[in-house]
Amino acid sequence: HVTHAALYRLDGRLFAVYPSKARGGVPAML
């Protein structure tokens, strides 16, 4: 049921994403 997951650096920049090719499915900054 987990469709997207993403890890962000402390400054909000995207660091890693799941699935690996799903960058468009998560916020670019957080």
PDB file of all heavy atoms in Angstrom:
ATOM      1  N   HIS A   1       0.815  -1.217   0.000  1.00  0.00           N
ATOM      2  CA  HIS A   1       0.000   0.000   0.000  1.00  0.00           C
ATOM      3  C   HIS A   1       0.850   1.269   0.000  1.00  0.00           C
ATOM      4  O   HIS A   1       0.331   2.357  -0.253  1.00  0.00           O
ATOM      5  CB  HIS A   1      -0.929   0.004   1.208  1.00  0.00           C
ATOM      6  CG  HIS A   1      -1.905  -1.129   1.214  1.00  0.00           C
ATOM      7  ND1 HIS A   1      -2.896  -1.273   0.270  1.00  0.00           N
ATOM      8  CD2 HIS A   1      -2.028  -2.201   2.044  1.00  0.00           C
ATOM      9  CE1 HIS A   1      -3.589  -2.374   0.516  1.00  0.00           C
ATOM     10  NE2 HIS A   1      -3.082  -2.954   1.579  1.00  0.00           N
ATOM     11  N   VAL A   2       2.144   1.166   0.295  1.00  0.00           N
ATOM     12  CA  VAL A   2       3.037   2.323   0.233  1.00  0.00           C
ATOM     13  C   VAL A   2       3.379   2.567  -1.231  1.00  0.00           C
ATOM     14  O   VAL A   2       4.101   1.790  -1.856  1.00  0.00           O
ATOM     15  CB  VAL A   2       4.311   2.096   1.063  1.00  0.00           C
ATOM     16  CG1 VAL A   2       5.264   3.282   0.887  1.00  0.00           C
ATOM     17  CG2 VAL A   2       3.970   1.913   2.530  1.00  0.00           C
ATOM     18  N   THR A   3       2.855   3.636  -1.788  1.00  0.00           N
ATOM     19  CA  THR A   3       3.053   3.925  -3.214  1.00  0.00           C
ATOM     20  C   THR A   3       4.307   4.753  -3.463  1.00  0.00           C
ATOM     21  O   THR A   3       4.955   4.594  -4.492  1.00  0.00           O
ATOM     22  CB  THR A   3       1.837   4.668  -3.778  1.00  0.00           C
ATOM     23  OG1 THR A   3       1.607   5.868  -3.009  1.00  0.00           O
ATOM     24  CG2 THR A   3       0.590   3.785  -3.699  1.00  0.00           C
ATOM     25  N   HIS A   4       4.654   5.650  -2.527  1.00  0.00           N
ATOM     26  CA  HIS A   4       5.836   6.489  -2.684  1.00  0.00           C
ATOM     27  C   HIS A   4       6.476   6.725  -1.314  1.00  0.00           C
ATOM     28  O   HIS A   4       5.770   6.789  -0.299  1.00  0.00           O
ATOM     29  CB  HIS A   4       5.500   7.845  -3.313  1.00  0.00           C
ATOM     30  CG  HIS A   4       4.997   7.759  -4.708  1.00  0.00           C
ATOM     31  ND1 HIS A   4       3.667   7.593  -5.010  1.00  0.00           N
ATOM     32  CD2 HIS A   4       5.653   7.796  -5.902  1.00  0.00           C
ATOM     33  CE1 HIS A   4       3.513   7.541  -6.330  1.00  0.00           C
ATOM     34  NE2 HIS A   4       4.703   7.661  -6.887  1.00  0.00           N
ATOM     35  N   ALA A   5       7.778   6.875  -1.328  1.00  0.00           N
ATOM     36  CA  ALA A   5       8.523   7.254  -0.137  1.00  0.00           C
ATOM     37  C   ALA A   5       9.738   8.058  -0.579  1.00  0.00           C
ATOM     38  O   ALA A   5      10.289   7.820  -1.669  1.00  0.00           O
ATOM     39  CB  ALA A   5       8.962   6.030   0.663  1.00  0.00           C
ATOM     40  N   ALA A   6      10.152   8.984   0.245  1.00  0.00           N
ATOM     41  CA  ALA A   6      11.293   9.814  -0.114  1.00  0.00           C
ATOM     42  C   ALA A   6      12.014  10.259   1.147  1.00  0.00           C
ATOM     43  O   ALA A   6      11.396  10.484   2.191  1.00  0.00           O
ATOM     44  CB  ALA A   6      10.851  11.024  -0.933  1.00  0.00           C
ATOM     45  N   LEU A   7      13.329  10.369   0.999  1.00  0.00           N
ATOM     46  CA  LEU A   7      14.175  10.833   2.097  1.00  0.00           C
ATOM     47  C   LEU A   7      14.756  12.180   1.699  1.00  0.00           C
ATOM     48  O   LEU A   7      15.262  12.346   0.576  1.00  0.00           O
ATOM     49  CB  LEU A   7      15.285   9.815   2.358  1.00  0.00           C
ATOM     50  CG  LEU A   7      16.054   9.905   3.672  1.00  0.00           C
ATOM     51  CD1 LEU A   7      15.112   9.719   4.861  1.00  0.00           C
ATOM     52  CD2 LEU A   7      17.163   8.859   3.708  1.00  0.00           C
ATOM     53  N   TYR A   8      14.676  13.135   2.618  1.00  0.00           N
ATOM     54  CA  TYR A   8      15.128  14.497   2.333  1.00  0.00           C
ATOM     55  C   TYR A   8      16.242  14.889   3.299  1.00  0.00           C
ATOM     56  O   TYR A   8      16.250  14.476   4.462  1.00  0.00           O
ATOM     57  CB  TYR A   8      13.972  15.495   2.465  1.00  0.00           C
ATOM     58  CG  TYR A   8      12.886  15.301   1.434  1.00  0.00           C
ATOM     59  CD1 TYR A   8      11.884  14.355   1.629  1.00  0.00           C
ATOM     60  CD2 TYR A   8      12.864  16.061   0.271  1.00  0.00           C
ATOM     61  CE1 TYR A   8      10.888  14.164   0.678  1.00  0.00           C
ATOM     62  CE2 TYR A   8      11.856  15.881  -0.675  1.00  0.00           C
ATOM     63  CZ  TYR A   8      10.882  14.932  -0.466  1.00  0.00           C
ATOM     64  OH  TYR A   8       9.900  14.743  -1.403  1.00  0.00           O
ATOM     65  N   ARG A   9      17.142  15.708   2.781  1.00  0.00           N
ATOM     66  CA  ARG A   9      18.199  16.260   3.629  1.00  0.00           C
ATOM     67  C   ARG A   9      17.594  17.276   4.603  1.00  0.00           C
ATOM     68  O   ARG A   9      16.430  17.654   4.494  1.00  0.00           O
ATOM     69  CB  ARG A   9      19.278  16.917   2.784  1.00  0.00           C
ATOM     70  CG  ARG A   9      20.095  15.944   1.936  1.00  0.00           C
ATOM     71  CD  ARG A   9      21.187  16.702   1.185  1.00  0.00           C
ATOM     72  NE  ARG A   9      22.105  15.797   0.494  1.00  0.00           N
ATOM     73  CZ  ARG A   9      21.935  15.357  -0.745  1.00  0.00           C
ATOM     74  NH1 ARG A   9      20.851  15.738  -1.440  1.00  0.00           N
ATOM     75  NH2 ARG A   9      22.817  14.543  -1.306  1.00  0.00           N
ATOM     76  N   LEU A  10      18.420  17.707   5.527  1.00  0.00           N
ATOM     77  CA  LEU A  10      17.935  18.658   6.531  1.00  0.00           C
ATOM     78  C   LEU A  10      17.486  19.973   5.906  1.00  0.00           C
ATOM     79  O   LEU A  10      16.569  20.632   6.415  1.00  0.00           O
ATOM     80  CB  LEU A  10      19.034  18.911   7.575  1.00  0.00           C
ATOM     81  CG  LEU A  10      18.646  19.758   8.794  1.00  0.00           C
ATOM     82  CD1 LEU A  10      17.505  19.085   9.560  1.00  0.00           C
ATOM     83  CD2 LEU A  10      19.841  19.963   9.710  1.00  0.00           C
ATOM     84  N   ASP A  11      18.110  20.360   4.795  1.00  0.00           N
ATOM     85  CA  ASP A  11      17.723  21.615   4.137  1.00  0.00           C
ATOM     86  C   ASP A  11      16.517  21.458   3.223  1.00  0.00           C
ATOM     87  O   ASP A  11      16.118  22.414   2.552  1.00  0.00           O
ATOM     88  CB  ASP A  11      18.914  22.182   3.352  1.00  0.00           C
ATOM     89  CG  ASP A  11      19.414  21.231   2.260  1.00  0.00           C
ATOM     90  OD1 ASP A  11      18.796  20.153   2.090  1.00  0.00           O
ATOM     91  OD2 ASP A  11      20.412  21.547   1.600  1.00  0.00           O
ATOM     92  N   GLY A  12      15.935  20.251   3.160  1.00  0.00           N
ATOM     93  CA  GLY A  12      14.736  20.039   2.379  1.00  0.00           C
ATOM     94  C   GLY A  12      14.960  19.484   0.995  1.00  0.00           C
ATOM     95  O   GLY A  12      13.990  19.211   0.281  1.00  0.00           O
ATOM     96  N   ARG A  13      16.225  19.287   0.594  1.00  0.00           N
ATOM     97  CA  ARG A  13      16.498  18.753  -0.742  1.00  0.00           C
ATOM     98  C   ARG A  13      16.272  17.245  -0.784  1.00  0.00           C
ATOM     99  O   ARG A  13      16.552  16.544   0.172  1.00  0.00           O
ATOM    100  CB  ARG A  13      17.934  19.079  -1.161  1.00  0.00           C
ATOM    101  CG  ARG A  13      18.188  20.560  -1.453  1.00  0.00           C
ATOM    102  CD  ARG A  13      19.636  20.784  -1.863  1.00  0.00           C
ATOM    103  NE  ARG A  13      20.547  20.414  -0.779  1.00  0.00           N
ATOM    104  CZ  ARG A  13      21.745  19.873  -0.971  1.00  0.00           C
ATOM    105  NH1 ARG A  13      22.158  19.584  -2.206  1.00  0.00           N
ATOM    106  NH2 ARG A  13      22.527  19.596   0.055  1.00  0.00           N
ATOM    107  N   LEU A  14      15.784  16.779  -1.926  1.00  0.00           N
ATOM    108  CA  LEU A  14      15.502  15.358  -2.110  1.00  0.00           C
ATOM    109  C   LEU A  14      16.805  14.561  -2.097  1.00  0.00           C
ATOM    110  O   LEU A  14      17.774  14.902  -2.784  1.00  0.00           O
ATOM    111  CB  LEU A  14      14.748  15.141  -3.418  1.00  0.00           C
ATOM    112  CG  LEU A  14      14.251  13.720  -3.710  1.00  0.00           C
ATOM    113  CD1 LEU A  14      13.268  13.268  -2.654  1.00  0.00           C
ATOM    114  CD2 LEU A  14      13.617  13.661  -5.102  1.00  0.00           C
ATOM    115  N   PHE A  15      16.826  13.455  -1.332  1.00  0.00           N
ATOM    116  CA  PHE A  15      18.040  12.661  -1.153  1.00  0.00           C
ATOM    117  C   PHE A  15      17.908  11.277  -1.800  1.00  0.00           C
ATOM    118  O   PHE A  15      18.803  10.812  -2.489  1.00  0.00           O
ATOM    119  CB  PHE A  15      18.338  12.524   0.346  1.00  0.00           C
ATOM    120  CG  PHE A  15      19.641  11.844   0.648  1.00  0.00           C
ATOM    121  CD1 PHE A  15      20.848  12.426   0.289  1.00  0.00           C
ATOM    122  CD2 PHE A  15      19.670  10.626   1.298  1.00  0.00           C
ATOM    123  CE1 PHE A  15      22.060  11.809   0.578  1.00  0.00           C
ATOM    124  CE2 PHE A  15      20.862   9.988   1.585  1.00  0.00           C
ATOM    125  CZ  PHE A  15      22.064  10.584   1.221  1.00  0.00           C
ATOM    126  N   ALA A  16      16.775  10.600  -1.582  1.00  0.00           N
ATOM    127  CA  ALA A  16      16.519   9.281  -2.174  1.00  0.00           C
ATOM    128  C   ALA A  16      15.014   9.096  -2.270  1.00  0.00           C
ATOM    129  O   ALA A  16      14.238   9.722  -1.526  1.00  0.00           O
ATOM    130  CB  ALA A  16      17.144   8.170  -1.329  1.00  0.00           C
ATOM    131  N   VAL A  17      14.602   8.240  -3.194  1.00  0.00           N
ATOM    132  CA  VAL A  17      13.180   8.085  -3.454  1.00  0.00           C
ATOM    133  C   VAL A  17      12.840   6.618  -3.690  1.00  0.00           C
ATOM    134  O   VAL A  17      13.678   5.842  -4.150  1.00  0.00           O
ATOM    135  CB  VAL A  17      12.744   8.942  -4.673  1.00  0.00           C
ATOM    136  CG1 VAL A  17      13.407   8.439  -5.942  1.00  0.00           C
ATOM    137  CG2 VAL A  17      11.238   8.959  -4.832  1.00  0.00           C
ATOM    138  N   TYR A  18      11.618   6.231  -3.314  1.00  0.00           N
ATOM    139  CA  TYR A  18      11.092   4.893  -3.568  1.00  0.00           C
ATOM    140  C   TYR A  18       9.705   5.025  -4.213  1.00  0.00           C
ATOM    141  O   TYR A  18       8.876   5.816  -3.722  1.00  0.00           O
ATOM    142  CB  TYR A  18      10.962   4.102  -2.263  1.00  0.00           C
ATOM    143  CG  TYR A  18      10.135   2.852  -2.418  1.00  0.00           C
ATOM    144  CD1 TYR A  18      10.698   1.687  -2.913  1.00  0.00           C
ATOM    145  CD2 TYR A  18       8.763   2.845  -2.094  1.00  0.00           C
ATOM    146  CE1 TYR A  18       9.920   0.533  -3.072  1.00  0.00           C
ATOM    147  CE2 TYR A  18       8.002   1.699  -2.255  1.00  0.00           C
ATOM    148  CZ  TYR A  18       8.579   0.551  -2.739  1.00  0.00           C
ATOM    149  OH  TYR A  18       7.821  -0.577  -2.908  1.00  0.00           O
ATOM    150  N   PRO A  19       9.442   4.296  -5.295  1.00  0.00           N
ATOM    151  CA  PRO A  19      10.373   3.492  -6.100  1.00  0.00           C
ATOM    152  C   PRO A  19      11.459   4.367  -6.719  1.00  0.00           C
ATOM    153  O   PRO A  19      11.301   5.594  -6.798  1.00  0.00           O
ATOM    154  CB  PRO A  19       9.473   2.867  -7.167  1.00  0.00           C
ATOM    155  CG  PRO A  19       8.087   2.996  -6.630  1.00  0.00           C
ATOM    156  CD  PRO A  19       8.074   4.230  -5.812  1.00  0.00           C
ATOM    157  N   SER A  20      12.529   3.741  -7.154  1.00  0.00           N
ATOM    158  CA  SER A  20      13.716   4.495  -7.565  1.00  0.00           C
ATOM    159  C   SER A  20      13.459   5.422  -8.738  1.00  0.00           C
ATOM    160  O   SER A  20      14.186   6.401  -8.910  1.00  0.00           O
ATOM    161  CB  SER A  20      14.851   3.518  -7.914  1.00  0.00           C
ATOM    162  OG  SER A  20      14.440   2.620  -8.947  1.00  0.00           O
ATOM    163  N   LYS A  21      12.434   5.156  -9.548  1.00  0.00           N
ATOM    164  CA  LYS A  21      12.149   5.991 -10.709  1.00  0.00           C
ATOM    165  C   LYS A  21      10.888   6.826 -10.524  1.00  0.00           C
ATOM    166  O   LYS A  21      10.269   7.251 -11.495  1.00  0.00           O
ATOM    167  CB  LYS A  21      12.004   5.112 -11.958  1.00  0.00           C
ATOM    168  CG  LYS A  21      13.281   4.349 -12.311  1.00  0.00           C
ATOM    169  CD  LYS A  21      13.079   3.516 -13.563  1.00  0.00           C
ATOM    170  CE  LYS A  21      14.356   2.754 -13.915  1.00  0.00           C
ATOM    171  NZ  LYS A  21      14.198   1.926 -15.146  1.00  0.00           N
ATOM    172  N   ALA A  22      10.526   7.070  -9.280  1.00  0.00           N
ATOM    173  CA  ALA A  22       9.261   7.775  -9.006  1.00  0.00           C
ATOM    174  C   ALA A  22       9.500   9.176  -8.470  1.00  0.00           C
ATOM    175  O   ALA A  22       8.769   9.656  -7.616  1.00  0.00           O
ATOM    176  CB  ALA A  22       8.429   6.972  -8.025  1.00  0.00           C
ATOM    177  N   ARG A  23      10.518   9.857  -8.958  1.00  0.00           N
ATOM    178  CA  ARG A  23      10.816  11.200  -8.448  1.00  0.00           C
ATOM    179  C   ARG A  23       9.675  12.179  -8.706  1.00  0.00           C
ATOM    180  O   ARG A  23       9.481  13.128  -7.953  1.00  0.00           O
ATOM    181  CB  ARG A  23      12.113  11.730  -9.065  1.00  0.00           C
ATOM    182  CG  ARG A  23      13.356  11.012  -8.554  1.00  0.00           C
ATOM    183  CD  ARG A  23      14.637  11.581  -9.136  1.00  0.00           C
ATOM    184  NE  ARG A  23      15.790  10.928  -8.541  1.00  0.00           N
ATOM    185  CZ  ARG A  23      16.421  11.344  -7.456  1.00  0.00           C
ATOM    186  NH1 ARG A  23      15.991  12.439  -6.841  1.00  0.00           N
ATOM    187  NH2 ARG A  23      17.452  10.704  -6.972  1.00  0.00           N
ATOM    188  N   GLY A  24       8.929  11.952  -9.771  1.00  0.00           N
ATOM    189  CA  GLY A  24       7.823  12.858 -10.055  1.00  0.00           C
ATOM    190  C   GLY A  24       6.634  12.686  -9.125  1.00  0.00           C
ATOM    191  O   GLY A  24       5.744  13.534  -9.088  1.00  0.00           O
ATOM    192  N   GLY A  25       6.632  11.611  -8.335  1.00  0.00           N
ATOM    193  CA  GLY A  25       5.503  11.353  -7.457  1.00  0.00           C
ATOM    194  C   GLY A  25       5.670  11.884  -6.050  1.00  0.00           C
ATOM    195  O   GLY A  25       4.781  11.713  -5.210  1.00  0.00           O
ATOM    196  N   VAL A  26       6.817  12.524  -5.767  1.00  0.00           N
ATOM    197  CA  VAL A  26       7.082  13.061  -4.431  1.00  0.00           C
ATOM    198  C   VAL A  26       7.450  14.533  -4.563  1.00  0.00           C
ATOM    199  O   VAL A  26       7.877  14.980  -5.634  1.00  0.00           O
ATOM    200  CB  VAL A  26       8.225  12.279  -3.740  1.00  0.00           C
ATOM    201  CG1 VAL A  26       7.844  10.814  -3.580  1.00  0.00           C
ATOM    202  CG2 VAL A  26       9.525  12.406  -4.510  1.00  0.00           C
ATOM    203  N   PRO A  27       7.288  15.320  -3.497  1.00  0.00           N
ATOM    204  CA  PRO A  27       7.672  16.739  -3.564  1.00  0.00           C
ATOM    205  C   PRO A  27       9.160  16.899  -3.848  1.00  0.00           C
ATOM    206  O   PRO A  27       9.995  16.135  -3.344  1.00  0.00           O
ATOM    207  CB  PRO A  27       7.312  17.257  -2.164  1.00  0.00           C
ATOM    208  CG  PRO A  27       6.315  16.285  -1.630  1.00  0.00           C
ATOM    209  CD  PRO A  27       6.674  14.964  -2.203  1.00  0.00           C
ATOM    210  N   ALA A  28       9.501  17.891  -4.672  1.00  0.00           N
ATOM    211  CA  ALA A  28      10.909  18.143  -4.985  1.00  0.00           C
ATOM    212  C   ALA A  28      11.653  18.700  -3.781  1.00  0.00           C
ATOM    213  O   ALA A  28      12.851  18.456  -3.605  1.00  0.00           O
ATOM    214  CB  ALA A  28      11.008  19.112  -6.167  1.00  0.00           C
ATOM    215  N   MET A  29      10.950  19.448  -2.952  1.00  0.00           N
ATOM    216  CA  MET A  29      11.515  20.005  -1.719  1.00  0.00           C
ATOM    217  C   MET A  29      10.532  19.746  -0.583  1.00  0.00           C
ATOM    218  O   MET A  29       9.327  19.676  -0.801  1.00  0.00           O
ATOM    219  CB  MET A  29      11.759  21.511  -1.845  1.00  0.00           C
ATOM    220  CG  MET A  29      12.848  21.899  -2.832  1.00  0.00           C
ATOM    221  SD  MET A  29      14.506  21.657  -2.141  1.00  0.00           S
ATOM    222  CE  MET A  29      14.520  22.870  -0.806  1.00  0.00           C
ATOM    223  N   LEU A  30      11.073  19.619   0.633  1.00  0.00           N
ATOM    224  CA  LEU A  30      10.210  19.388   1.782  1.00  0.00           C
ATOM    225  C   LEU A  30      10.794  20.120   2.972  1.00  0.00           C
ATOM    226  O   LEU A  30      11.920  19.835   3.403  1.00  0.00           O
ATOM    227  CB  LEU A  30      10.100  17.895   2.085  1.00  0.00           C
ATOM    228  CG  LEU A  30       8.951  17.474   3.009  1.00  0.00           C
ATOM    229  CD1 LEU A  30       7.604  17.763   2.346  1.00  0.00           C
ATOM    230  CD2 LEU A  30       9.042  16.002   3.352  1.00  0.00           C
TER     231      LEU A  30
END
